[in-house]
Amino acid sequence: MSGKEIVDVKKAERLGILGNTDLEINENTGQIQALLIPSVKWFGLRKQGEEIRVPWKHIKKIGADMVIIDVSDFSEEEQ
């Protein structure tokens, strides 16, 4: 999944590129629980430890080049 572009389906907005270690996996079941997208800052630089957590249930489609997600109904508890 590395290198896929992350796109918000509601806003048609690019959120970032999925990297090599941007998955949250349940150690007991091996299932993916969330995608972790680095927050991009000015000139492509980002602060350490800042990321957007996208729960698996908000992923709508995974294609050859991108991952389509719906972030419009995130609650504060999920972020």
C-alpha atoms as a PDB file:
ATOM      1  CA  MET A   1       0.000   0.000   0.000  1.00  0.00           C
ATOM      2  CA  SER A   2       3.037   2.235   0.199  1.00  0.00           C
ATOM      3  CA  GLY A   3       2.982   5.218  -2.163  1.00  0.00           C
ATOM      4  CA  LYS A   4      -0.800   5.370  -2.618  1.00  0.00           C
ATOM      5  CA  GLU A   5      -2.377   8.808  -2.509  1.00  0.00           C
ATOM      6  CA  ILE A   6      -5.008   9.375   0.224  1.00  0.00           C
ATOM      7  CA  VAL A   7      -8.108  11.286  -1.000  1.00  0.00           C
ATOM      8  CA  ASP A   8     -11.150  12.488   0.978  1.00  0.00           C
ATOM      9  CA  VAL A   9     -14.253  11.538  -1.045  1.00  0.00           C
ATOM     10  CA  LYS A  10     -16.467  14.364   0.335  1.00  0.00           C
ATOM     11  CA  LYS A  11     -14.042  17.266  -0.130  1.00  0.00           C
ATOM     12  CA  ALA A  12     -12.168  15.801  -3.137  1.00  0.00           C
ATOM     13  CA  GLU A  13      -9.044  16.795  -1.217  1.00  0.00           C
ATOM     14  CA  ARG A  14      -5.621  15.144  -1.212  1.00  0.00           C
ATOM     15  CA  LEU A  15      -4.570  14.291   2.361  1.00  0.00           C
ATOM     16  CA  GLY A  16      -1.162  12.764   1.752  1.00  0.00           C
ATOM     17  CA  ILE A  17       0.760   9.720   0.582  1.00  0.00           C
ATOM     18  CA  LEU A  18       0.705   6.455   2.476  1.00  0.00           C
ATOM     19  CA  GLY A  19       4.207   5.422   3.555  1.00  0.00           C
ATOM     20  CA  ASN A  20       5.759   2.123   4.580  1.00  0.00           C
ATOM     21  CA  THR A  21       4.837   2.195   8.284  1.00  0.00           C
ATOM     22  CA  ASP A  22       1.524   4.008   8.229  1.00  0.00           C
ATOM     23  CA  LEU A  23      -0.759   1.189   9.401  1.00  0.00           C
ATOM     24  CA  GLU A  24      -2.161   0.466  12.855  1.00  0.00           C
ATOM     25  CA  ILE A  25      -2.496  -3.307  13.206  1.00  0.00           C
ATOM     26  CA  ASN A  26      -4.180  -5.292  15.962  1.00  0.00           C
ATOM     27  CA  GLU A  27      -1.423  -7.508  17.371  1.00  0.00           C
ATOM     28  CA  ASN A  28      -3.867 -10.247  18.393  1.00  0.00           C
ATOM     29  CA  THR A  29      -5.856 -10.594  15.160  1.00  0.00           C
ATOM     30  CA  GLY A  30      -3.466  -9.141  12.576  1.00  0.00           C
ATOM     31  CA  GLN A  31      -6.272  -6.965  11.180  1.00  0.00           C
ATOM     32  CA  ILE A  32      -5.660  -3.383  10.063  1.00  0.00           C
ATOM     33  CA  GLN A  33      -7.420  -1.010  12.464  1.00  0.00           C
ATOM     34  CA  ALA A  34      -6.447   2.355  10.974  1.00  0.00           C
ATOM     35  CA  LEU A  35      -4.307   4.212   8.477  1.00  0.00           C
ATOM     36  CA  LEU A  36      -1.883   6.748   9.973  1.00  0.00           C
ATOM     37  CA  ILE A  37      -1.303   9.691   7.612  1.00  0.00           C
ATOM     38  CA  PRO A  38       1.529  12.120   8.408  1.00  0.00           C
ATOM     39  CA  SER A  39       0.347  15.739   8.758  1.00  0.00           C
ATOM     40  CA  VAL A  40       2.142  17.811   6.131  1.00  0.00           C
ATOM     41  CA  LYS A  41       3.316  21.276   7.200  1.00  0.00           C
ATOM     42  CA  TRP A  42       4.919  24.183   5.300  1.00  0.00           C
ATOM     43  CA  PHE A  43       7.218  23.167   2.430  1.00  0.00           C
ATOM     44  CA  GLY A  44       6.492  19.465   2.975  1.00  0.00           C
ATOM     45  CA  LEU A  45       8.027  19.396   6.445  1.00  0.00           C
ATOM     46  CA  ARG A  46       6.114  17.938   9.354  1.00  0.00           C
ATOM     47  CA  LYS A  47       6.458  17.965  13.099  1.00  0.00           C
ATOM     48  CA  GLN A  48       7.493  14.698  14.748  1.00  0.00           C
ATOM     49  CA  GLY A  49       4.617  12.565  16.011  1.00  0.00           C
ATOM     50  CA  GLU A  50       1.793  14.446  14.276  1.00  0.00           C
ATOM     51  CA  GLU A  51      -0.486  12.293  12.164  1.00  0.00           C
ATOM     52  CA  ILE A  52      -4.090  11.809  11.114  1.00  0.00           C
ATOM     53  CA  ARG A  53      -5.631   8.504  12.223  1.00  0.00           C
ATOM     54  CA  VAL A  54      -8.219   7.127   9.777  1.00  0.00           C
ATOM     55  CA  PRO A  55     -10.199   4.199  11.212  1.00  0.00           C
ATOM     56  CA  TRP A  56     -10.566   1.280   8.787  1.00  0.00           C
ATOM     57  CA  LYS A  57     -14.382   1.669   8.636  1.00  0.00           C
ATOM     58  CA  HIS A  58     -13.938   5.084   6.951  1.00  0.00           C
ATOM     59  CA  ILE A  59     -11.985   3.631   4.016  1.00  0.00           C
ATOM     60  CA  LYS A  60     -14.313   3.453   1.036  1.00  0.00           C
ATOM     61  CA  LYS A  61     -12.083   2.105  -1.745  1.00  0.00           C
ATOM     62  CA  ILE A  62      -8.474   1.037  -2.292  1.00  0.00           C
ATOM     63  CA  GLY A  63      -7.368   1.328  -5.908  1.00  0.00           C
ATOM     64  CA  ALA A  64      -4.129   0.905  -7.827  1.00  0.00           C
ATOM     65  CA  ASP A  65      -3.023   4.519  -7.216  1.00  0.00           C
ATOM     66  CA  MET A  66      -5.090   5.847  -4.326  1.00  0.00           C
ATOM     67  CA  VAL A  67      -7.114   5.167  -1.199  1.00  0.00           C
ATOM     68  CA  ILE A  68     -10.528   6.890  -1.037  1.00  0.00           C
ATOM     69  CA  ILE A  69     -11.704   7.728   2.492  1.00  0.00           C
ATOM     70  CA  ASP A  70     -14.657   9.538   4.074  1.00  0.00           C
ATOM     71  CA  VAL A  71     -13.482  11.727   6.953  1.00  0.00           C
ATOM     72  CA  SER A  72     -16.645  13.843   7.196  1.00  0.00           C
ATOM     73  CA  ASP A  73     -18.235  11.806   9.986  1.00  0.00           C
ATOM     74  CA  PHE A  74     -15.195  11.299  12.246  1.00  0.00           C
ATOM     75  CA  SER A  75     -15.924  11.819  15.924  1.00  0.00           C
ATOM     76  CA  GLU A  76     -13.400  13.311  18.340  1.00  0.00           C
ATOM     77  CA  GLU A  77     -12.995   9.894  19.996  1.00  0.00           C
ATOM     78  CA  GLU A  78     -11.792   8.250  16.767  1.00  0.00           C
ATOM     79  CA  GLN A  79      -9.076  10.799  15.935  1.00  0.00           C
END
